[in-house]
Amino acid sequence: MELAGKTAVVTGASSGIGAATVRQLRAAGVRVAGGARRVERVDADVALELDVTDEAASRAFVDAAVEALATRRNCGGLDRRKLTGRNPVR
């Protein structure tokens, strides 16, 4: 499967399996938004703070990740409604 040019969102991206996933995806040419509580340790194209135990923080993370990935490197085809299940409020 060809992954170059795709986008991905990874949680737990500061260590362990999450960090390894970010590394592998980036090595394959994927643009990655990574989230973790220890955001300073996230080595993704977009590093965002995330506490998965907090629903509001998780929603904010998804919104920020989608926004960042949709605007970086001319990726206009990312549809926020498909990823979040809701229309953005602007």
N, C-alpha and C. Protein backbone atom coordinates (compact mmCIF):
# COMPACT_ATOMS: atom_id res chain seq x y z
N MET A 1 0.85 -1.18 0.00
CA MET A 1 0.00 0.00 0.00
C MET A 1 0.90 1.24 0.00
N GLU A 2 0.61 2.16 -0.89
CA GLU A 2 1.37 3.40 -0.99
C GLU A 2 0.79 4.42 -0.01
N LEU A 3 1.62 4.93 0.89
CA LEU A 3 1.16 5.89 1.89
C LEU A 3 1.64 7.31 1.63
N ALA A 4 2.64 7.48 0.79
CA ALA A 4 3.19 8.82 0.54
C ALA A 4 2.09 9.77 0.11
N GLY A 5 2.09 10.95 0.73
CA GLY A 5 1.10 11.96 0.41
C GLY A 5 -0.18 11.86 1.22
N LYS A 6 -0.32 10.82 2.01
CA LYS A 6 -1.51 10.66 2.87
C LYS A 6 -1.32 11.45 4.15
N THR A 7 -2.36 11.53 4.95
CA THR A 7 -2.29 12.18 6.26
C THR A 7 -2.76 11.20 7.33
N ALA A 8 -2.27 11.40 8.55
CA ALA A 8 -2.64 10.52 9.66
C ALA A 8 -2.66 11.32 10.95
N VAL A 9 -3.45 10.83 11.89
CA VAL A 9 -3.50 11.39 13.24
C VAL A 9 -3.14 10.26 14.19
N VAL A 10 -2.17 10.51 15.07
CA VAL A 10 -1.70 9.49 16.01
C VAL A 10 -1.81 10.04 17.43
N THR A 11 -2.45 9.28 18.31
CA THR A 11 -2.50 9.65 19.73
C THR A 11 -1.42 8.88 20.47
N GLY A 12 -1.06 9.37 21.64
CA GLY A 12 0.02 8.72 22.39
C GLY A 12 1.34 8.82 21.66
N ALA A 13 1.54 9.91 20.94
CA ALA A 13 2.65 10.05 20.01
C ALA A 13 3.98 10.43 20.66
N SER A 14 4.02 10.58 21.98
CA SER A 14 5.27 11.01 22.62
C SER A 14 6.19 9.87 23.00
N SER A 15 5.67 8.63 23.02
CA SER A 15 6.53 7.51 23.42
C SER A 15 5.92 6.18 22.96
N GLY A 16 6.70 5.14 23.09
CA GLY A 16 6.21 3.79 22.83
C GLY A 16 5.68 3.57 21.43
N ILE A 17 4.57 2.84 21.37
CA ILE A 17 3.96 2.48 20.08
C ILE A 17 3.55 3.73 19.31
N GLY A 18 3.02 4.73 19.99
CA GLY A 18 2.60 5.96 19.31
C GLY A 18 3.76 6.66 18.63
N ALA A 19 4.88 6.80 19.34
CA ALA A 19 6.06 7.45 18.77
C ALA A 19 6.63 6.63 17.61
N ALA A 20 6.64 5.32 17.77
CA ALA A 20 7.13 4.45 16.69
C ALA A 20 6.23 4.54 15.47
N THR A 21 4.93 4.65 15.69
CA THR A 21 3.98 4.79 14.59
C THR A 21 4.22 6.08 13.84
N VAL A 22 4.43 7.17 14.57
CA VAL A 22 4.73 8.46 13.94
C VAL A 22 5.99 8.33 13.08
N ARG A 23 7.04 7.74 13.63
CA ARG A 23 8.30 7.60 12.88
C ARG A 23 8.10 6.81 11.59
N GLN A 24 7.41 5.70 11.69
CA GLN A 24 7.19 4.84 10.52
C GLN A 24 6.34 5.53 9.47
N LEU A 25 5.29 6.20 9.90
CA LEU A 25 4.43 6.90 8.95
C LEU A 25 5.19 8.02 8.25
N ARG A 26 5.95 8.80 9.00
CA ARG A 26 6.71 9.89 8.39
C ARG A 26 7.76 9.35 7.43
N ALA A 27 8.38 8.23 7.78
CA ALA A 27 9.37 7.61 6.89
C ALA A 27 8.73 7.15 5.58
N ALA A 28 7.43 6.85 5.62
CA ALA A 28 6.71 6.41 4.43
C ALA A 28 6.12 7.59 3.64
N GLY A 29 6.38 8.82 4.10
CA GLY A 29 5.91 9.99 3.38
C GLY A 29 4.55 10.50 3.80
N VAL A 30 4.08 10.06 4.95
CA VAL A 30 2.78 10.50 5.48
C VAL A 30 2.98 11.76 6.31
N ARG A 31 2.07 12.70 6.16
CA ARG A 31 2.06 13.89 7.03
C ARG A 31 1.26 13.53 8.27
N VAL A 32 1.87 13.72 9.44
CA VAL A 32 1.29 13.22 10.68
C VAL A 32 1.04 14.34 11.68
N ALA A 33 -0.16 14.30 12.27
CA ALA A 33 -0.47 15.11 13.44
C ALA A 33 -0.42 14.16 14.63
N GLY A 34 0.44 14.48 15.60
CA GLY A 34 0.58 13.63 16.77
C GLY A 34 0.14 14.36 18.02
N GLY A 35 -0.53 13.64 18.89
CA GLY A 35 -1.00 14.23 20.13
C GLY A 35 -0.54 13.43 21.33
N ALA A 36 -0.25 14.15 22.42
CA ALA A 36 0.17 13.52 23.67
C ALA A 36 0.17 14.57 24.78
N ARG A 37 0.18 14.09 26.01
CA ARG A 37 0.29 15.03 27.14
C ARG A 37 1.66 15.70 27.13
N ARG A 38 2.69 14.96 26.77
CA ARG A 38 4.06 15.50 26.72
C ARG A 38 4.37 15.94 25.29
N VAL A 39 3.70 17.00 24.89
CA VAL A 39 3.76 17.47 23.50
C VAL A 39 5.18 17.79 23.06
N GLU A 40 6.04 18.19 23.98
CA GLU A 40 7.42 18.54 23.62
C GLU A 40 8.20 17.33 23.12
N ARG A 41 7.69 16.13 23.36
CA ARG A 41 8.36 14.91 22.92
C ARG A 41 7.78 14.33 21.63
N VAL A 42 6.78 15.00 21.07
CA VAL A 42 6.13 14.52 19.85
C VAL A 42 6.94 14.97 18.64
N ASP A 43 7.38 14.01 17.81
CA ASP A 43 8.18 14.31 16.62
C ASP A 43 7.33 14.09 15.36
N ALA A 44 6.25 14.86 15.27
CA ALA A 44 5.33 14.76 14.13
C ALA A 44 5.38 16.07 13.35
N ASP A 45 4.76 16.08 12.18
CA ASP A 45 4.68 17.32 11.41
C ASP A 45 3.89 18.38 12.17
N VAL A 46 2.87 17.93 12.89
CA VAL A 46 2.05 18.79 13.73
C VAL A 46 2.01 18.13 15.10
N ALA A 47 2.53 18.80 16.12
CA ALA A 47 2.54 18.27 17.48
C ALA A 47 1.55 19.06 18.33
N LEU A 48 0.60 18.34 18.92
CA LEU A 48 -0.47 18.99 19.68
C LEU A 48 -0.63 18.33 21.05
N GLU A 49 -0.99 19.14 22.02
CA GLU A 49 -1.25 18.60 23.36
C GLU A 49 -2.58 17.85 23.35
N LEU A 50 -2.60 16.71 24.05
CA LEU A 50 -3.80 15.89 24.08
C LEU A 50 -3.88 15.11 25.38
N ASP A 51 -5.03 15.19 26.03
CA ASP A 51 -5.34 14.34 27.19
C ASP A 51 -6.60 13.57 26.81
N VAL A 52 -6.44 12.29 26.48
CA VAL A 52 -7.57 11.50 25.97
C VAL A 52 -8.62 11.22 27.04
N THR A 53 -8.33 11.52 28.30
CA THR A 53 -9.33 11.33 29.36
C THR A 53 -10.29 12.52 29.45
N ASP A 54 -10.02 13.56 28.69
CA ASP A 54 -10.84 14.78 28.70
C ASP A 54 -11.53 14.92 27.34
N GLU A 55 -12.86 14.74 27.33
CA GLU A 55 -13.59 14.76 26.06
C GLU A 55 -13.44 16.08 25.32
N ALA A 56 -13.52 17.18 26.03
CA ALA A 56 -13.40 18.49 25.38
C ALA A 56 -12.01 18.67 24.78
N ALA A 57 -10.99 18.23 25.51
CA ALA A 57 -9.62 18.33 25.00
C ALA A 57 -9.44 17.43 23.78
N SER A 58 -10.07 16.27 23.80
CA SER A 58 -9.97 15.36 22.65
C SER A 58 -10.63 15.96 21.42
N ARG A 59 -11.79 16.56 21.59
CA ARG A 59 -12.46 17.22 20.47
C ARG A 59 -11.61 18.38 19.94
N ALA A 60 -11.04 19.15 20.84
CA ALA A 60 -10.19 20.28 20.42
C ALA A 60 -8.96 19.76 19.66
N PHE A 61 -8.41 18.64 20.11
CA PHE A 61 -7.27 18.04 19.42
C PHE A 61 -7.64 17.66 18.00
N VAL A 62 -8.77 16.98 17.83
CA VAL A 62 -9.20 16.56 16.49
C VAL A 62 -9.39 17.78 15.60
N ASP A 63 -10.07 18.80 16.12
CA ASP A 63 -10.29 20.01 15.34
C ASP A 63 -8.97 20.65 14.92
N ALA A 64 -8.03 20.76 15.86
CA ALA A 64 -6.75 21.39 15.56
C ALA A 64 -5.93 20.55 14.59
N ALA A 65 -5.96 19.24 14.75
CA ALA A 65 -5.21 18.36 13.85
C ALA A 65 -5.74 18.43 12.43
N VAL A 66 -7.05 18.37 12.30
CA VAL A 66 -7.67 18.44 10.97
C VAL A 66 -7.37 19.79 10.33
N GLU A 67 -7.50 20.85 11.10
CA GLU A 67 -7.22 22.18 10.57
C GLU A 67 -5.77 22.30 10.11
N ALA A 68 -4.84 21.82 10.92
CA ALA A 68 -3.42 21.91 10.58
C ALA A 68 -3.09 21.07 9.36
N LEU A 69 -3.60 19.85 9.30
CA LEU A 69 -3.31 18.99 8.16
C LEU A 69 -3.99 19.47 6.89
N ALA A 70 -5.14 20.10 7.02
CA ALA A 70 -5.86 20.59 5.85
C ALA A 70 -5.20 21.81 5.25
N THR A 71 -4.47 22.57 6.05
CA THR A 71 -3.89 23.81 5.54
C THR A 71 -2.41 23.67 5.21
N ARG A 72 -1.74 22.66 5.71
CA ARG A 72 -0.32 22.49 5.43
C ARG A 72 -0.12 21.86 4.05
N ARG A 73 0.85 22.36 3.34
CA ARG A 73 1.26 21.80 2.06
C ARG A 73 0.11 21.61 1.08
N ASN A 74 -0.80 22.55 1.09
CA ASN A 74 -1.87 22.59 0.10
C ASN A 74 -2.71 21.32 0.08
N CYS A 75 -3.14 20.86 1.25
CA CYS A 75 -3.96 19.65 1.34
C CYS A 75 -5.42 20.07 1.49
N GLY A 76 -5.99 20.61 0.47
CA GLY A 76 -7.35 21.12 0.54
C GLY A 76 -8.42 20.06 0.47
N GLY A 77 -8.07 18.81 0.22
CA GLY A 77 -9.07 17.76 0.06
C GLY A 77 -9.50 17.10 1.35
N LEU A 78 -8.98 17.52 2.48
CA LEU A 78 -9.35 16.92 3.76
C LEU A 78 -10.71 17.45 4.17
N ASP A 79 -11.67 16.57 4.36
CA ASP A 79 -13.03 16.97 4.70
C ASP A 79 -13.27 16.78 6.18
N ARG A 80 -13.33 17.87 6.92
CA ARG A 80 -13.50 17.84 8.36
C ARG A 80 -14.78 17.10 8.76
N ARG A 81 -15.85 17.22 7.99
CA ARG A 81 -17.10 16.54 8.35
C ARG A 81 -16.95 15.03 8.36
N LYS A 82 -16.16 14.48 7.43
CA LYS A 82 -15.95 13.05 7.39
C LYS A 82 -15.11 12.57 8.56
N LEU A 83 -14.15 13.40 9.00
CA LEU A 83 -13.27 13.00 10.08
C LEU A 83 -13.90 13.19 11.45
N THR A 84 -14.71 14.19 11.61
CA THR A 84 -15.25 14.49 12.95
C THR A 84 -16.72 14.13 13.08
N GLY A 85 -17.40 13.91 11.98
CA GLY A 85 -18.82 13.59 12.04
C GLY A 85 -19.69 14.81 12.31
N ARG A 86 -19.11 15.98 12.19
CA ARG A 86 -19.90 17.19 12.42
C ARG A 86 -19.36 18.34 11.57
N ASN A 87 -20.19 19.32 11.34
CA ASN A 87 -19.78 20.48 10.57
C ASN A 87 -19.06 21.45 11.48
N PRO A 88 -17.99 22.08 10.98
CA PRO A 88 -17.28 23.05 11.80
C PRO A 88 -18.13 24.29 12.03
N VAL A 89 -17.99 24.86 13.18
CA VAL A 89 -18.68 26.12 13.50
C VAL A 89 -17.67 27.22 13.28
N ARG A 90 -17.99 28.14 12.41
CA ARG A 90 -17.06 29.23 12.11
C ARG A 90 -17.72 30.54 12.36
